[in-house]
Protein backbone atom coordinates (compact mmCIF):
# COMPACT_ATOMS: atom_id res chain seq x y z
CA UNK A 1 0.00 0.00 0.00
CA UNK A 2 1.04 3.59 -0.05
CA UNK A 3 3.15 4.93 2.77
CA UNK A 4 6.59 5.79 4.01
CA UNK A 5 9.29 3.86 2.21
CA UNK A 6 7.25 3.56 -0.97
CA UNK A 7 7.79 7.07 -2.35
CA UNK A 8 4.43 8.19 -0.98
CA UNK A 9 5.17 11.85 -1.61
CA UNK A 10 5.37 11.39 -5.36
CA UNK A 11 2.64 8.73 -5.37
CA UNK A 12 1.20 8.67 -8.88
CA UNK A 13 2.70 12.02 -9.85
CA UNK A 14 5.46 12.09 -12.44
CA UNK A 15 7.26 15.41 -11.94
CA UNK A 16 10.33 14.73 -14.09
CA UNK A 17 10.95 17.70 -16.36
CA UNK A 18 8.05 19.77 -14.96
CA UNK A 19 8.65 23.44 -14.20
CA UNK A 20 8.02 23.75 -10.41
CA UNK A 21 6.46 27.17 -10.97
CA UNK A 22 3.70 25.54 -13.02
CA UNK A 23 3.23 22.49 -10.80
CA UNK A 24 1.46 24.10 -7.83
CA UNK A 25 -1.19 26.80 -7.83
CA UNK A 26 -0.96 29.16 -4.83
CA UNK A 27 -3.93 28.84 -2.47
CA UNK A 28 -5.00 25.36 -3.62
CA UNK A 29 -5.07 22.77 -0.81
CA UNK A 30 -3.51 19.80 -2.60
CA UNK A 31 -2.80 17.97 0.67
CA UNK A 32 -6.47 17.64 1.64
CA UNK A 33 -7.35 16.23 -1.78
CA UNK A 34 -4.40 13.86 -1.65
CA UNK A 35 -5.43 12.66 1.83
CA UNK A 36 -8.93 11.83 0.58
CA UNK A 37 -7.48 10.01 -2.41
CA UNK A 38 -5.00 8.14 -0.25
CA UNK A 39 -7.76 6.71 1.93
CA UNK A 40 -9.62 5.49 -1.16
CA UNK A 41 -6.41 4.14 -2.75
CA UNK A 42 -5.52 2.25 0.42
CA UNK A 43 -9.01 0.71 0.53
CA UNK A 44 -8.76 -0.34 -3.12
CA UNK A 45 -5.28 -1.79 -2.53
CA UNK A 46 -6.62 -3.89 0.35
CA UNK A 47 -9.42 -5.12 -1.94
CA UNK A 48 -6.91 -5.97 -4.67
CA UNK A 49 -4.91 -7.99 -2.18
CA UNK A 50 -8.12 -9.65 -0.99
CA UNK A 51 -8.87 -11.03 -4.46
CA UNK A 52 -5.35 -12.38 -4.88
CA UNK A 53 -3.70 -9.62 -6.90
CA UNK A 54 -0.23 -8.49 -5.90
CA UNK A 55 0.45 -4.76 -5.52
CA UNK A 56 3.64 -5.22 -7.52
CA UNK A 57 1.37 -6.19 -10.44
CA UNK A 58 -1.50 -3.70 -10.09
CA UNK A 59 -2.11 -0.98 -7.53
CA UNK A 60 -3.96 2.20 -6.76
CA UNK A 61 -2.05 5.41 -6.08
CA UNK A 62 -3.23 8.69 -4.58
CA UNK A 63 -2.76 11.92 -6.48
CA UNK A 64 -4.53 15.23 -7.08
CA UNK A 65 -5.69 17.05 -10.15
CA UNK A 66 -4.83 20.65 -11.01
CA UNK A 67 -7.53 22.12 -8.75
CA UNK A 68 -6.55 20.05 -5.72
CA UNK A 69 -9.27 17.41 -5.85
CA UNK A 70 -8.17 13.92 -4.95
CA UNK A 71 -7.62 11.43 -7.75
CA UNK A 72 -6.97 7.71 -7.49
CA UNK A 73 -4.98 6.23 -10.33
CA UNK A 74 -4.92 2.50 -10.99
CA UNK A 75 -1.77 1.28 -12.67
CA UNK A 76 -0.23 -2.05 -13.38
CA UNK A 77 1.04 -4.61 -15.77
CA UNK A 78 -1.35 -5.27 -18.64
CA UNK A 79 -1.92 -8.91 -17.67
CA UNK A 80 -2.83 -7.97 -14.10
CA UNK A 81 -5.15 -5.17 -15.27
CA UNK A 82 -6.83 -7.69 -17.60
CA UNK A 83 -7.40 -10.00 -14.59
CA UNK A 84 -8.84 -7.09 -12.61
CA UNK A 85 -11.15 -6.19 -15.51
CA UNK A 86 -12.32 -9.80 -15.65
CA UNK A 87 -13.13 -9.77 -11.93
CA UNK A 88 -15.09 -6.54 -12.27
CA UNK A 89 -16.98 -7.85 -15.29
CA UNK A 90 -17.88 -11.02 -13.41
CA UNK A 91 -19.25 -8.97 -10.51
CA UNK A 92 -21.26 -6.75 -12.89
CA UNK A 93 -22.76 -9.80 -14.61
CA UNK A 94 -23.41 -11.58 -11.31
CA UNK A 95 -25.47 -8.78 -9.76
CA UNK A 96 -27.18 -7.50 -12.88
CA UNK A 97 -24.65 -4.75 -13.48
CA UNK A 98 -25.45 -2.72 -10.36
CA UNK A 99 -22.73 -0.94 -8.44
CA UNK A 100 -22.39 -0.62 -4.68
PDB file of N, CA and C in Angstrom:
ATOM      1  N   UNK A   1       0.838  -1.176   0.000  1.00  0.00           N
ATOM      2  CA  UNK A   1       0.000   0.000   0.000  1.00  0.00           C
ATOM      3  C   UNK A   1       0.881   1.237   0.000  1.00  0.00           C
ATOM      4  N   UNK A   2       0.259   2.361  -0.038  1.00  0.00           N
ATOM      5  CA  UNK A   2       1.041   3.589  -0.048  1.00  0.00           C
ATOM      6  C   UNK A   2       1.543   3.863   1.353  1.00  0.00           C
ATOM      7  N   UNK A   3       2.641   4.583   1.448  1.00  0.00           N
ATOM      8  CA  UNK A   3       3.146   4.932   2.766  1.00  0.00           C
ATOM      9  C   UNK A   3       4.631   5.191   2.734  1.00  0.00           C
ATOM     10  N   UNK A   4       5.170   5.501   3.883  1.00  0.00           N
ATOM     11  CA  UNK A   4       6.591   5.795   4.010  1.00  0.00           C
ATOM     12  C   UNK A   4       7.401   4.616   3.492  1.00  0.00           C
ATOM     13  N   UNK A   5       8.444   4.902   2.754  1.00  0.00           N
ATOM     14  CA  UNK A   5       9.288   3.856   2.212  1.00  0.00           C
ATOM     15  C   UNK A   5       8.853   3.419   0.823  1.00  0.00           C
ATOM     16  N   UNK A   6       7.731   3.927   0.353  1.00  0.00           N
ATOM     17  CA  UNK A   6       7.247   3.563  -0.965  1.00  0.00           C
ATOM     18  C   UNK A   6       7.057   4.806  -1.826  1.00  0.00           C
ATOM     19  N   UNK A   7       7.860   5.819  -1.599  1.00  0.00           N
ATOM     20  CA  UNK A   7       7.792   7.071  -2.349  1.00  0.00           C
ATOM     21  C   UNK A   7       6.400   7.669  -2.318  1.00  0.00           C
ATOM     22  N   UNK A   8       5.809   7.704  -1.131  1.00  0.00           N
ATOM     23  CA  UNK A   8       4.429   8.186  -0.985  1.00  0.00           C
ATOM     24  C   UNK A   8       4.264   9.635  -1.384  1.00  0.00           C
ATOM     25  N   UNK A   9       5.309  10.442  -1.273  1.00  0.00           N
ATOM     26  CA  UNK A   9       5.173  11.848  -1.607  1.00  0.00           C
ATOM     27  C   UNK A   9       4.919  12.055  -3.094  1.00  0.00           C
ATOM     28  N   UNK A  10       5.558  11.265  -3.930  1.00  0.00           N
ATOM     29  CA  UNK A  10       5.370  11.385  -5.363  1.00  0.00           C
ATOM     30  C   UNK A  10       4.368  10.384  -5.903  1.00  0.00           C
ATOM     31  N   UNK A  11       3.575   9.800  -5.041  1.00  0.00           N
ATOM     32  CA  UNK A  11       2.644   8.735  -5.371  1.00  0.00           C
ATOM     33  C   UNK A  11       1.757   9.091  -6.563  1.00  0.00           C
ATOM     34  N   UNK A  12       2.025   8.474  -7.704  1.00  0.00           N
ATOM     35  CA  UNK A  12       1.200   8.666  -8.883  1.00  0.00           C
ATOM     36  C   UNK A  12       1.458   9.956  -9.635  1.00  0.00           C
ATOM     37  N   UNK A  13       2.440  10.734  -9.230  1.00  0.00           N
ATOM     38  CA  UNK A  13       2.697  12.022  -9.852  1.00  0.00           C
ATOM     39  C   UNK A  13       4.097  12.018 -10.445  1.00  0.00           C
ATOM     40  N   UNK A  14       4.184  12.067 -11.752  1.00  0.00           N
ATOM     41  CA  UNK A  14       5.465  12.092 -12.442  1.00  0.00           C
ATOM     42  C   UNK A  14       5.868  13.544 -12.646  1.00  0.00           C
ATOM     43  N   UNK A  15       6.867  14.009 -11.894  1.00  0.00           N
ATOM     44  CA  UNK A  15       7.263  15.412 -11.943  1.00  0.00           C
ATOM     45  C   UNK A  15       8.566  15.631 -12.714  1.00  0.00           C
ATOM     46  N   UNK A  16       9.085  14.595 -13.347  1.00  0.00           N
ATOM     47  CA  UNK A  16      10.334  14.728 -14.094  1.00  0.00           C
ATOM     48  C   UNK A  16      10.138  15.728 -15.237  1.00  0.00           C
ATOM     49  N   UNK A  17      10.983  16.720 -15.289  1.00  0.00           N
ATOM     50  CA  UNK A  17      10.949  17.698 -16.363  1.00  0.00           C
ATOM     51  C   UNK A  17       9.850  18.747 -16.256  1.00  0.00           C
ATOM     52  N   UNK A  18       9.126  18.785 -15.134  1.00  0.00           N
ATOM     53  CA  UNK A  18       8.047  19.767 -14.962  1.00  0.00           C
ATOM     54  C   UNK A  18       8.609  21.010 -14.285  1.00  0.00           C
ATOM     55  N   UNK A  19       8.247  22.170 -14.797  1.00  0.00           N
ATOM     56  CA  UNK A  19       8.645  23.437 -14.200  1.00  0.00           C
ATOM     57  C   UNK A  19       7.927  23.593 -12.860  1.00  0.00           C
ATOM     58  N   UNK A  20       8.664  23.660 -11.718  1.00  0.00           N
ATOM     59  CA  UNK A  20       8.017  23.745 -10.413  1.00  0.00           C
ATOM     60  C   UNK A  20       7.080  24.942 -10.281  1.00  0.00           C
ATOM     61  N   UNK A  21       7.330  26.008 -11.015  1.00  0.00           N
ATOM     62  CA  UNK A  21       6.457  27.167 -10.970  1.00  0.00           C
ATOM     63  C   UNK A  21       5.086  26.899 -11.568  1.00  0.00           C
ATOM     64  N   UNK A  22       4.970  25.881 -12.394  1.00  0.00           N
ATOM     65  CA  UNK A  22       3.695  25.542 -13.022  1.00  0.00           C
ATOM     66  C   UNK A  22       3.056  24.325 -12.373  1.00  0.00           C
ATOM     67  N   UNK A  23       3.725  23.709 -11.419  1.00  0.00           N
ATOM     68  CA  UNK A  23       3.225  22.487 -10.804  1.00  0.00           C
ATOM     69  C   UNK A  23       2.171  22.778  -9.748  1.00  0.00           C
ATOM     70  N   UNK A  24       2.356  23.800  -8.939  1.00  0.00           N
ATOM     71  CA  UNK A  24       1.458  24.098  -7.833  1.00  0.00           C
ATOM     72  C   UNK A  24       0.808  25.461  -8.036  1.00  0.00           C
ATOM     73  N   UNK A  25      -0.459  25.543  -7.739  1.00  0.00           N
ATOM     74  CA  UNK A  25      -1.191  26.805  -7.832  1.00  0.00           C
ATOM     75  C   UNK A  25      -1.318  27.351  -6.422  1.00  0.00           C
ATOM     76  N   UNK A  26      -0.861  28.583  -6.170  1.00  0.00           N
ATOM     77  CA  UNK A  26      -0.963  29.158  -4.832  1.00  0.00           C
ATOM     78  C   UNK A  26      -2.416  29.172  -4.345  1.00  0.00           C
ATOM     79  N   UNK A  27      -2.612  28.820  -3.084  1.00  0.00           N
ATOM     80  CA  UNK A  27      -3.929  28.843  -2.473  1.00  0.00           C
ATOM     81  C   UNK A  27      -4.743  27.575  -2.646  1.00  0.00           C
ATOM     82  N   UNK A  28      -4.270  26.609  -3.431  1.00  0.00           N
ATOM     83  CA  UNK A  28      -4.997  25.357  -3.620  1.00  0.00           C
ATOM     84  C   UNK A  28      -4.495  24.351  -2.588  1.00  0.00           C
ATOM     85  N   UNK A  29      -5.428  23.742  -1.852  1.00  0.00           N
ATOM     86  CA  UNK A  29      -5.073  22.769  -0.806  1.00  0.00           C
ATOM     87  C   UNK A  29      -4.940  21.375  -1.421  1.00  0.00           C
ATOM     88  N   UNK A  30      -3.766  21.088  -1.977  1.00  0.00           N
ATOM     89  CA  UNK A  30      -3.515  19.799  -2.597  1.00  0.00           C
ATOM     90  C   UNK A  30      -3.443  18.682  -1.558  1.00  0.00           C
ATOM     91  N   UNK A  31      -2.984  18.994  -0.357  1.00  0.00           N
ATOM     92  CA  UNK A  31      -2.801  17.975   0.668  1.00  0.00           C
ATOM     93  C   UNK A  31      -4.136  17.358   1.080  1.00  0.00           C
ATOM     94  N   UNK A  32      -5.162  18.167   1.254  1.00  0.00           N
ATOM     95  CA  UNK A  32      -6.474  17.637   1.645  1.00  0.00           C
ATOM     96  C   UNK A  32      -7.011  16.701   0.566  1.00  0.00           C
ATOM     97  N   UNK A  33      -6.896  17.094  -0.687  1.00  0.00           N
ATOM     98  CA  UNK A  33      -7.346  16.235  -1.778  1.00  0.00           C
ATOM     99  C   UNK A  33      -6.559  14.947  -1.838  1.00  0.00           C
ATOM    100  N   UNK A  34      -5.248  15.049  -1.643  1.00  0.00           N
ATOM    101  CA  UNK A  34      -4.397  13.855  -1.654  1.00  0.00           C
ATOM    102  C   UNK A  34      -4.767  12.930  -0.507  1.00  0.00           C
ATOM    103  N   UNK A  35      -5.037  13.492   0.680  1.00  0.00           N
ATOM    104  CA  UNK A  35      -5.428  12.661   1.831  1.00  0.00           C
ATOM    105  C   UNK A  35      -6.700  11.872   1.529  1.00  0.00           C
ATOM    106  N   UNK A  36      -7.697  12.530   0.952  1.00  0.00           N
ATOM    107  CA  UNK A  36      -8.932  11.833   0.580  1.00  0.00           C
ATOM    108  C   UNK A  36      -8.640  10.701  -0.406  1.00  0.00           C
ATOM    109  N   UNK A  37      -7.821  11.009  -1.399  1.00  0.00           N
ATOM    110  CA  UNK A  37      -7.476  10.012  -2.408  1.00  0.00           C
ATOM    111  C   UNK A  37      -6.664   8.877  -1.801  1.00  0.00           C
ATOM    112  N   UNK A  38      -5.817   9.182  -0.849  1.00  0.00           N
ATOM    113  CA  UNK A  38      -4.999   8.136  -0.247  1.00  0.00           C
ATOM    114  C   UNK A  38      -5.854   7.139   0.512  1.00  0.00           C
ATOM    115  N   UNK A  39      -6.865   7.624   1.228  1.00  0.00           N
ATOM    116  CA  UNK A  39      -7.760   6.708   1.927  1.00  0.00           C
ATOM    117  C   UNK A  39      -8.462   5.764   0.957  1.00  0.00           C
ATOM    118  N   UNK A  40      -8.944   6.311  -0.152  1.00  0.00           N
ATOM    119  CA  UNK A  40      -9.616   5.492  -1.158  1.00  0.00           C
ATOM    120  C   UNK A  40      -8.635   4.532  -1.826  1.00  0.00           C
ATOM    121  N   UNK A  41      -7.424   5.005  -2.121  1.00  0.00           N
ATOM    122  CA  UNK A  41      -6.415   4.144  -2.747  1.00  0.00           C
ATOM    123  C   UNK A  41      -6.023   3.002  -1.816  1.00  0.00           C
ATOM    124  N   UNK A  42      -5.865   3.302  -0.538  1.00  0.00           N
ATOM    125  CA  UNK A  42      -5.518   2.250   0.418  1.00  0.00           C
ATOM    126  C   UNK A  42      -6.630   1.200   0.499  1.00  0.00           C
ATOM    127  N   UNK A  43      -7.891   1.648   0.499  1.00  0.00           N
ATOM    128  CA  UNK A  43      -9.014   0.707   0.531  1.00  0.00           C
ATOM    129  C   UNK A  43      -9.014  -0.170  -0.715  1.00  0.00           C
ATOM    130  N   UNK A  44      -8.800   0.436  -1.883  1.00  0.00           N
ATOM    131  CA  UNK A  44      -8.757  -0.340  -3.116  1.00  0.00           C
ATOM    132  C   UNK A  44      -7.582  -1.306  -3.107  1.00  0.00           C
ATOM    133  N   UNK A  45      -6.432  -0.882  -2.599  1.00  0.00           N
ATOM    134  CA  UNK A  45      -5.279  -1.786  -2.533  1.00  0.00           C
ATOM    135  C   UNK A  45      -5.559  -2.982  -1.632  1.00  0.00           C
ATOM    136  N   UNK A  46      -6.252  -2.758  -0.511  1.00  0.00           N
ATOM    137  CA  UNK A  46      -6.625  -3.891   0.354  1.00  0.00           C
ATOM    138  C   UNK A  46      -7.565  -4.841  -0.383  1.00  0.00           C
ATOM    139  N   UNK A  47      -8.499  -4.277  -1.160  1.00  0.00           N
ATOM    140  CA  UNK A  47      -9.419  -5.116  -1.940  1.00  0.00           C
ATOM    141  C   UNK A  47      -8.665  -5.902  -3.008  1.00  0.00           C
ATOM    142  N   UNK A  48      -7.709  -5.272  -3.661  1.00  0.00           N
ATOM    143  CA  UNK A  48      -6.911  -5.967  -4.670  1.00  0.00           C
ATOM    144  C   UNK A  48      -6.169  -7.143  -4.047  1.00  0.00           C
ATOM    145  N   UNK A  49      -5.582  -6.909  -2.894  1.00  0.00           N
ATOM    146  CA  UNK A  49      -4.907  -7.995  -2.181  1.00  0.00           C
ATOM    147  C   UNK A  49      -5.897  -9.094  -1.803  1.00  0.00           C
ATOM    148  N   UNK A  50      -7.091  -8.693  -1.404  1.00  0.00           N
ATOM    149  CA  UNK A  50      -8.118  -9.649  -0.986  1.00  0.00           C
ATOM    150  C   UNK A  50      -8.579 -10.585  -2.090  1.00  0.00           C
ATOM    151  N   UNK A  51      -8.474 -10.156  -3.343  1.00  0.00           N
ATOM    152  CA  UNK A  51      -8.868 -11.028  -4.457  1.00  0.00           C
ATOM    153  C   UNK A  51      -7.663 -11.711  -5.094  1.00  0.00           C
ATOM    154  N   UNK A  52      -6.517 -11.631  -4.434  1.00  0.00           N
ATOM    155  CA  UNK A  52      -5.347 -12.377  -4.880  1.00  0.00           C
ATOM    156  C   UNK A  52      -4.412 -11.661  -5.828  1.00  0.00           C
ATOM    157  N   UNK A  53      -4.626 -10.376  -6.060  1.00  0.00           N
ATOM    158  CA  UNK A  53      -3.697  -9.620  -6.900  1.00  0.00           C
ATOM    159  C   UNK A  53      -2.560  -9.085  -6.037  1.00  0.00           C
ATOM    160  N   UNK A  54      -1.391  -9.017  -6.604  1.00  0.00           N
ATOM    161  CA  UNK A  54      -0.226  -8.485  -5.896  1.00  0.00           C
ATOM    162  C   UNK A  54      -0.066  -7.005  -6.248  1.00  0.00           C
ATOM    163  N   UNK A  55       0.289  -6.191  -5.268  1.00  0.00           N
ATOM    164  CA  UNK A  55       0.450  -4.759  -5.517  1.00  0.00           C
ATOM    165  C   UNK A  55       1.645  -4.459  -6.414  1.00  0.00           C
ATOM    166  N   UNK A  56       2.540  -5.407  -6.562  1.00  0.00           N
ATOM    167  CA  UNK A  56       3.644  -5.224  -7.516  1.00  0.00           C
ATOM    168  C   UNK A  56       3.158  -5.410  -8.951  1.00  0.00           C
ATOM    169  N   UNK A  57       1.948  -5.968  -9.110  1.00  0.00           N
ATOM    170  CA  UNK A  57       1.372  -6.189 -10.437  1.00  0.00           C
ATOM    171  C   UNK A  57       0.368  -5.103 -10.818  1.00  0.00           C
ATOM    172  N   UNK A  58      -0.483  -4.721  -9.873  1.00  0.00           N
ATOM    173  CA  UNK A  58      -1.501  -3.696 -10.094  1.00  0.00           C
ATOM    174  C   UNK A  58      -1.763  -3.014  -8.759  1.00  0.00           C
ATOM    175  N   UNK A  59      -1.892  -1.706  -8.780  1.00  0.00           N
ATOM    176  CA  UNK A  59      -2.113  -0.983  -7.532  1.00  0.00           C
ATOM    177  C   UNK A  59      -2.786   0.353  -7.784  1.00  0.00           C
ATOM    178  N   UNK A  60      -3.350   0.883  -6.728  1.00  0.00           N
ATOM    179  CA  UNK A  60      -3.957   2.204  -6.765  1.00  0.00           C
ATOM    180  C   UNK A  60      -2.999   3.184  -6.098  1.00  0.00           C
ATOM    181  N   UNK A  61      -2.929   4.387  -6.632  1.00  0.00           N
ATOM    182  CA  UNK A  61      -2.047   5.408  -6.076  1.00  0.00           C
ATOM    183  C   UNK A  61      -2.804   6.727  -5.953  1.00  0.00           C
ATOM    184  N   UNK A  62      -2.589   7.401  -4.840  1.00  0.00           N
ATOM    185  CA  UNK A  62      -3.232   8.691  -4.583  1.00  0.00           C
ATOM    186  C   UNK A  62      -2.511   9.804  -5.331  1.00  0.00           C
ATOM    187  N   UNK A  63      -3.292  10.747  -5.797  1.00  0.00           N
ATOM    188  CA  UNK A  63      -2.761  11.923  -6.482  1.00  0.00           C
ATOM    189  C   UNK A  63      -3.802  13.027  -6.356  1.00  0.00           C
ATOM    190  N   UNK A  64      -3.545  14.148  -6.996  1.00  0.00           N
ATOM    191  CA  UNK A  64      -4.528  15.228  -7.082  1.00  0.00           C
ATOM    192  C   UNK A  64      -4.555  15.734  -8.510  1.00  0.00           C
ATOM    193  N   UNK A  65      -5.658  16.403  -8.845  1.00  0.00           N
ATOM    194  CA  UNK A  65      -5.693  17.049 -10.153  1.00  0.00           C
ATOM    195  C   UNK A  65      -5.265  18.499  -9.973  1.00  0.00           C
ATOM    196  N   UNK A  66      -5.348  19.280 -11.038  1.00  0.00           N
ATOM    197  CA  UNK A  66      -4.830  20.655 -11.008  1.00  0.00           C
ATOM    198  C   UNK A  66      -5.564  21.574 -10.044  1.00  0.00           C
ATOM    199  N   UNK A  67      -6.815  21.254  -9.698  1.00  0.00           N
ATOM    200  CA  UNK A  67      -7.527  22.125  -8.755  1.00  0.00           C
ATOM    201  C   UNK A  67      -7.536  21.573  -7.330  1.00  0.00           C
ATOM    202  N   UNK A  68      -6.726  20.559  -7.073  1.00  0.00           N
ATOM    203  CA  UNK A  68      -6.548  20.048  -5.720  1.00  0.00           C
ATOM    204  C   UNK A  68      -7.491  18.935  -5.312  1.00  0.00           C
ATOM    205  N   UNK A  69      -8.383  18.523  -6.189  1.00  0.00           N
ATOM    206  CA  UNK A  69      -9.266  17.407  -5.850  1.00  0.00           C
ATOM    207  C   UNK A  69      -8.494  16.107  -5.916  1.00  0.00           C
ATOM    208  N   UNK A  70      -8.822  15.213  -4.981  1.00  0.00           N
ATOM    209  CA  UNK A  70      -8.166  13.921  -4.952  1.00  0.00           C
ATOM    210  C   UNK A  70      -8.485  13.085  -6.174  1.00  0.00           C
ATOM    211  N   UNK A  71      -7.496  12.331  -6.608  1.00  0.00           N
ATOM    212  CA  UNK A  71      -7.625  11.433  -7.746  1.00  0.00           C
ATOM    213  C   UNK A  71      -6.941  10.128  -7.368  1.00  0.00           C
ATOM    214  N   UNK A  72      -7.582   9.014  -7.685  1.00  0.00           N
ATOM    215  CA  UNK A  72      -6.966   7.709  -7.490  1.00  0.00           C
ATOM    216  C   UNK A  72      -6.663   7.137  -8.861  1.00  0.00           C
ATOM    217  N   UNK A  73      -5.413   6.796  -9.056  1.00  0.00           N
ATOM    218  CA  UNK A  73      -4.982   6.230 -10.329  1.00  0.00           C
ATOM    219  C   UNK A  73      -4.691   4.745 -10.114  1.00  0.00           C
ATOM    220  N   UNK A  74      -5.195   3.931 -11.026  1.00  0.00           N
ATOM    221  CA  UNK A  74      -4.918   2.497 -10.994  1.00  0.00           C
ATOM    222  C   UNK A  74      -3.903   2.224 -12.086  1.00  0.00           C
ATOM    223  N   UNK A  75      -2.825   1.552 -11.711  1.00  0.00           N
ATOM    224  CA  UNK A  75      -1.770   1.280 -12.674  1.00  0.00           C
ATOM    225  C   UNK A  75      -1.256  -0.129 -12.467  1.00  0.00           C
ATOM    226  N   UNK A  76      -0.773  -0.709 -13.517  1.00  0.00           N
ATOM    227  CA  UNK A  76      -0.235  -2.047 -13.376  1.00  0.00           C
ATOM    228  C   UNK A  76       0.177  -2.651 -14.689  1.00  0.00           C
ATOM    229  N   UNK A  77       0.660  -3.860 -14.581  1.00  0.00           N
ATOM    230  CA  UNK A  77       1.037  -4.609 -15.766  1.00  0.00           C
ATOM    231  C   UNK A  77      -0.222  -4.973 -16.534  1.00  0.00           C
ATOM    232  N   UNK A  78      -0.158  -4.984 -17.847  1.00  0.00           N
ATOM    233  CA  UNK A  78      -1.349  -5.273 -18.641  1.00  0.00           C
ATOM    234  C   UNK A  78      -2.044  -6.582 -18.271  1.00  0.00           C
ATOM    235  N   UNK A  79      -1.290  -7.638 -18.006  1.00  0.00           N
ATOM    236  CA  UNK A  79      -1.922  -8.913 -17.667  1.00  0.00           C
ATOM    237  C   UNK A  79      -2.685  -8.830 -16.351  1.00  0.00           C
ATOM    238  N   UNK A  80      -2.154  -8.115 -15.381  1.00  0.00           N
ATOM    239  CA  UNK A  80      -2.835  -7.968 -14.096  1.00  0.00           C
ATOM    240  C   UNK A  80      -4.076  -7.085 -14.231  1.00  0.00           C
ATOM    241  N   UNK A  81      -3.991  -6.038 -15.041  1.00  0.00           N
ATOM    242  CA  UNK A  81      -5.147  -5.171 -15.270  1.00  0.00           C
ATOM    243  C   UNK A  81      -6.236  -5.957 -16.002  1.00  0.00           C
ATOM    244  N   UNK A  82      -5.855  -6.831 -16.915  1.00  0.00           N
ATOM    245  CA  UNK A  82      -6.834  -7.695 -17.598  1.00  0.00           C
ATOM    246  C   UNK A  82      -7.534  -8.606 -16.583  1.00  0.00           C
ATOM    247  N   UNK A  83      -6.780  -9.159 -15.634  1.00  0.00           N
ATOM    248  CA  UNK A  83      -7.399  -9.999 -14.593  1.00  0.00           C
ATOM    249  C   UNK A  83      -8.361  -9.185 -13.748  1.00  0.00           C
ATOM    250  N   UNK A  84      -7.970  -7.969 -13.388  1.00  0.00           N
ATOM    251  CA  UNK A  84      -8.840  -7.088 -12.615  1.00  0.00           C
ATOM    252  C   UNK A  84     -10.111  -6.770 -13.399  1.00  0.00           C
ATOM    253  N   UNK A  85      -9.979  -6.470 -14.673  1.00  0.00           N
ATOM    254  CA  UNK A  85     -11.149  -6.189 -15.512  1.00  0.00           C
ATOM    255  C   UNK A  85     -12.074  -7.403 -15.552  1.00  0.00           C
ATOM    256  N   UNK A  86     -11.510  -8.584 -15.650  1.00  0.00           N
ATOM    257  CA  UNK A  86     -12.321  -9.801 -15.649  1.00  0.00           C
ATOM    258  C   UNK A  86     -13.089  -9.975 -14.353  1.00  0.00           C
ATOM    259  N   UNK A  87     -12.447  -9.681 -13.230  1.00  0.00           N
ATOM    260  CA  UNK A  87     -13.127  -9.769 -11.931  1.00  0.00           C
ATOM    261  C   UNK A  87     -14.280  -8.773 -11.854  1.00  0.00           C
ATOM    262  N   UNK A  88     -14.049  -7.561 -12.305  1.00  0.00           N
ATOM    263  CA  UNK A  88     -15.094  -6.538 -12.273  1.00  0.00           C
ATOM    264  C   UNK A  88     -16.248  -6.896 -13.204  1.00  0.00           C
ATOM    265  N   UNK A  89     -15.923  -7.427 -14.373  1.00  0.00           N
ATOM    266  CA  UNK A  89     -16.977  -7.847 -15.294  1.00  0.00           C
ATOM    267  C   UNK A  89     -17.809  -8.978 -14.708  1.00  0.00           C
ATOM    268  N   UNK A  90     -17.158  -9.920 -14.024  1.00  0.00           N
ATOM    269  CA  UNK A  90     -17.882 -11.021 -13.408  1.00  0.00           C
ATOM    270  C   UNK A  90     -18.827 -10.520 -12.322  1.00  0.00           C
ATOM    271  N   UNK A  91     -18.396  -9.549 -11.548  1.00  0.00           N
ATOM    272  CA  UNK A  91     -19.254  -8.972 -10.512  1.00  0.00           C
ATOM    273  C   UNK A  91     -20.439  -8.261 -11.162  1.00  0.00           C
ATOM    274  N   UNK A  92     -20.183  -7.498 -12.211  1.00  0.00           N
ATOM    275  CA  UNK A  92     -21.261  -6.754 -12.891  1.00  0.00           C
ATOM    276  C   UNK A  92     -22.294  -7.718 -13.472  1.00  0.00           C
ATOM    277  N   UNK A  93     -21.851  -8.809 -14.039  1.00  0.00           N
ATOM    278  CA  UNK A  93     -22.764  -9.801 -14.609  1.00  0.00           C
ATOM    279  C   UNK A  93     -23.518 -10.512 -13.490  1.00  0.00           C
ATOM    280  N   UNK A  94     -22.813 -10.821 -12.415  1.00  0.00           N
ATOM    281  CA  UNK A  94     -23.408 -11.578 -11.307  1.00  0.00           C
ATOM    282  C   UNK A  94     -24.502 -10.838 -10.575  1.00  0.00           C
ATOM    283  N   UNK A  95     -24.441  -9.509 -10.500  1.00  0.00           N
ATOM    284  CA  UNK A  95     -25.473  -8.783  -9.755  1.00  0.00           C
ATOM    285  C   UNK A  95     -26.341  -7.922 -10.667  1.00  0.00           C
ATOM    286  N   UNK A  96     -26.345  -8.237 -11.943  1.00  0.00           N
ATOM    287  CA  UNK A  96     -27.181  -7.502 -12.876  1.00  0.00           C
ATOM    288  C   UNK A  96     -26.583  -6.184 -13.324  1.00  0.00           C
ATOM    289  N   UNK A  97     -25.312  -5.963 -13.028  1.00  0.00           N
ATOM    290  CA  UNK A  97     -24.650  -4.745 -13.476  1.00  0.00           C
ATOM    291  C   UNK A  97     -24.727  -3.593 -12.497  1.00  0.00           C
ATOM    292  N   UNK A  98     -25.347  -3.800 -11.352  1.00  0.00           N
ATOM    293  CA  UNK A  98     -25.454  -2.719 -10.363  1.00  0.00           C
ATOM    294  C   UNK A  98     -24.139  -2.488  -9.653  1.00  0.00           C
ATOM    295  N   UNK A  99     -23.944  -1.288  -9.179  1.00  0.00           N
ATOM    296  CA  UNK A  99     -22.733  -0.942  -8.439  1.00  0.00           C
ATOM    297  C   UNK A  99     -23.093  -0.617  -7.004  1.00  0.00           C
ATOM    298  N   UNK A 100     -22.162  -0.922  -6.103  1.00  0.00           N
ATOM    299  CA  UNK A 100     -22.388  -0.620  -4.682  1.00  0.00           C
ATOM    300  C   UNK A 100     -22.075   0.807  -4.381  1.00  0.00           C
TER     301      UNK A 100
END
